[in-house]
C-alpha atoms as a PDB file:
ATOM      1  CA  MET A   1       0.000   0.000   0.000  1.00  0.00           C
ATOM      2  CA  LYS A   2       1.254   3.479  -0.843  1.00  0.00           C
ATOM      3  CA  THR A   3       1.912   5.885   1.992  1.00  0.00           C
ATOM      4  CA  ASP A   4       1.252   9.615   2.013  1.00  0.00           C
ATOM      5  CA  ALA A   5       5.013  10.121   1.573  1.00  0.00           C
ATOM      6  CA  ASP A   6       4.964   7.957  -1.590  1.00  0.00           C
ATOM      7  CA  ILE A   7       2.050   9.930  -3.005  1.00  0.00           C
ATOM      8  CA  THR A   8       3.759  13.227  -2.185  1.00  0.00           C
ATOM      9  CA  GLN A   9       6.967  12.069  -3.911  1.00  0.00           C
ATOM     10  CA  VAL A  10       5.104  11.063  -7.074  1.00  0.00           C
ATOM     11  CA  THR A  11       3.169  14.324  -7.083  1.00  0.00           C
ATOM     12  CA  ARG A  12       6.365  16.375  -6.728  1.00  0.00           C
ATOM     13  CA  PHE A  13       7.954  14.401  -9.556  1.00  0.00           C
ATOM     14  CA  MET A  14       4.998  15.061 -11.859  1.00  0.00           C
ATOM     15  CA  TYR A  15       4.900  18.773 -11.025  1.00  0.00           C
ATOM     16  CA  PHE A  16       8.641  18.942 -11.667  1.00  0.00           C
ATOM     17  CA  ALA A  17       8.248  17.207 -15.040  1.00  0.00           C
ATOM     18  CA  TYR A  18       5.753  19.859 -16.102  1.00  0.00           C
ATOM     19  CA  ASN A  19       7.587  22.832 -14.538  1.00  0.00           C
ATOM     20  CA  PHE A  20      11.317  22.013 -14.369  1.00  0.00           C
ATOM     21  CA  PRO A  21      13.385  25.118 -13.620  1.00  0.00           C
ATOM     22  CA  ILE A  22      16.319  26.416 -15.622  1.00  0.00           C
ATOM     23  CA  GLY A  23      19.588  24.946 -14.390  1.00  0.00           C
ATOM     24  CA  TRP A  24      18.086  21.868 -12.728  1.00  0.00           C
ATOM     25  CA  MET A  25      20.676  19.483 -14.186  1.00  0.00           C
ATOM     26  CA  GLU A  26      23.529  21.544 -12.776  1.00  0.00           C
ATOM     27  CA  LYS A  27      21.973  21.223  -9.330  1.00  0.00           C
ATOM     28  CA  VAL A  28      21.250  17.493  -9.501  1.00  0.00           C
ATOM     29  CA  TRP A  29      24.672  16.466 -10.873  1.00  0.00           C
ATOM     30  CA  ALA A  30      26.773  19.251  -9.327  1.00  0.00           C
ATOM     31  CA  ASP A  31      29.087  16.580  -7.886  1.00  0.00           C
ATOM     32  CA  ASP A  32      29.981  15.016 -11.263  1.00  0.00           C
ATOM     33  CA  GLU A  33      30.909  17.423 -14.053  1.00  0.00           C
ATOM     34  CA  HIS A  34      31.614  14.621 -16.549  1.00  0.00           C
ATOM     35  CA  LEU A  35      28.200  13.066 -16.052  1.00  0.00           C
ATOM     36  CA  LEU A  36      26.554  16.491 -16.089  1.00  0.00           C
ATOM     37  CA  ASN A  37      28.092  17.258 -19.473  1.00  0.00           C
ATOM     38  CA  HIS A  38      27.041  13.848 -20.775  1.00  0.00           C
ATOM     39  CA  PHE A  39      23.435  14.419 -19.679  1.00  0.00           C
ATOM     40  CA  LYS A  40      23.382  17.960 -21.085  1.00  0.00           C
ATOM     41  CA  ASP A  41      24.488  16.524 -24.447  1.00  0.00           C
ATOM     42  CA  LYS A  42      21.731  13.907 -24.275  1.00  0.00           C
ATOM     43  CA  TRP A  43      19.208  16.635 -23.431  1.00  0.00           C
ATOM     44  CA  ALA A  44      20.358  18.776 -26.368  1.00  0.00           C
ATOM     45  CA  GLY A  45      20.056  15.756 -28.649  1.00  0.00           C
ATOM     46  CA  GLY A  46      16.344  15.528 -27.872  1.00  0.00           C
ATOM     47  CA  ILE A  47      15.680  18.886 -29.500  1.00  0.00           C
ATOM     48  CA  ALA A  48      12.820  17.495 -31.613  1.00  0.00           C
ATOM     49  CA  LYS A  49      10.930  16.865 -28.407  1.00  0.00           C
ATOM     50  CA  CYS A  50      10.138  19.616 -26.006  1.00  0.00           C
ATOM     51  CA  GLY A  51       9.054  20.241 -22.471  1.00  0.00           C
ATOM     52  CA  THR A  52       7.584  17.421 -20.468  1.00  0.00           C
ATOM     53  CA  HIS A  53       7.918  14.844 -23.247  1.00  0.00           C
ATOM     54  CA  ARG A  54      11.649  15.538 -23.422  1.00  0.00           C
ATOM     55  CA  PHE A  55      11.942  15.259 -19.640  1.00  0.00           C
ATOM     56  CA  PHE A  56      10.156  11.887 -19.545  1.00  0.00           C
ATOM     57  CA  ASP A  57      12.309  10.506 -22.375  1.00  0.00           C
ATOM     58  CA  PHE A  58      15.428  11.745 -20.580  1.00  0.00           C
ATOM     59  CA  TYR A  59      14.321  10.157 -17.320  1.00  0.00           C
ATOM     60  CA  MET A  60      13.495   6.799 -18.906  1.00  0.00           C
ATOM     61  CA  ASN A  61      16.970   6.640 -20.461  1.00  0.00           C
ATOM     62  CA  LEU A  62      18.770   7.120 -17.140  1.00  0.00           C
ATOM     63  CA  ASP A  63      20.193   4.091 -15.371  1.00  0.00           C
ATOM     64  CA  GLY A  64      18.633   3.060 -12.062  1.00  0.00           C
ATOM     65  CA  HIS A  65      21.182   4.920  -9.925  1.00  0.00           C
ATOM     66  CA  ASN A  66      20.641   8.219 -11.730  1.00  0.00           C
ATOM     67  CA  LYS A  67      16.862   7.796 -11.753  1.00  0.00           C
ATOM     68  CA  ASP A  68      17.039   7.398  -7.981  1.00  0.00           C
ATOM     69  CA  LYS A  69      19.357  10.391  -7.673  1.00  0.00           C
ATOM     70  CA  LEU A  70      17.013  12.601  -9.696  1.00  0.00           C
ATOM     71  CA  VAL A  71      13.895  11.464  -7.830  1.00  0.00           C
ATOM     72  CA  GLN A  72      15.592  12.053  -4.474  1.00  0.00           C
ATOM     73  CA  TRP A  73      16.783  15.480  -5.561  1.00  0.00           C
ATOM     74  CA  ILE A  74      13.283  16.430  -6.700  1.00  0.00           C
ATOM     75  CA  ASP A  75      11.779  15.117  -3.466  1.00  0.00           C
ATOM     76  CA  ASN A  76      14.277  17.062  -1.323  1.00  0.00           C
ATOM     77  CA  ASN A  77      14.452  20.289  -3.338  1.00  0.00           C
ATOM     78  CA  TYR A  78      11.384  20.867  -5.504  1.00  0.00           C
ATOM     79  CA  LYS A  79       8.376  22.324  -3.745  1.00  0.00           C
ATOM     80  CA  PRO A  80       5.504  23.060  -6.138  1.00  0.00           C
END
């Protein structure tokens, strides 16, 4: 059964996907410049897609560790 915390985390994630702020990648991967640059290149490569669709494609192409890192960052830092 889902807890209120689980529901809140999913809700924050969805709000973030629809309203991600400028510079969010730099904040999430501030500790790994190489990975940050790699992800920024991947993001730029998705130019045909925009907004939320691009974010969801980006997220689904992350490995499990980086999906977890992004979700945790959103949960700790993004307050809709």
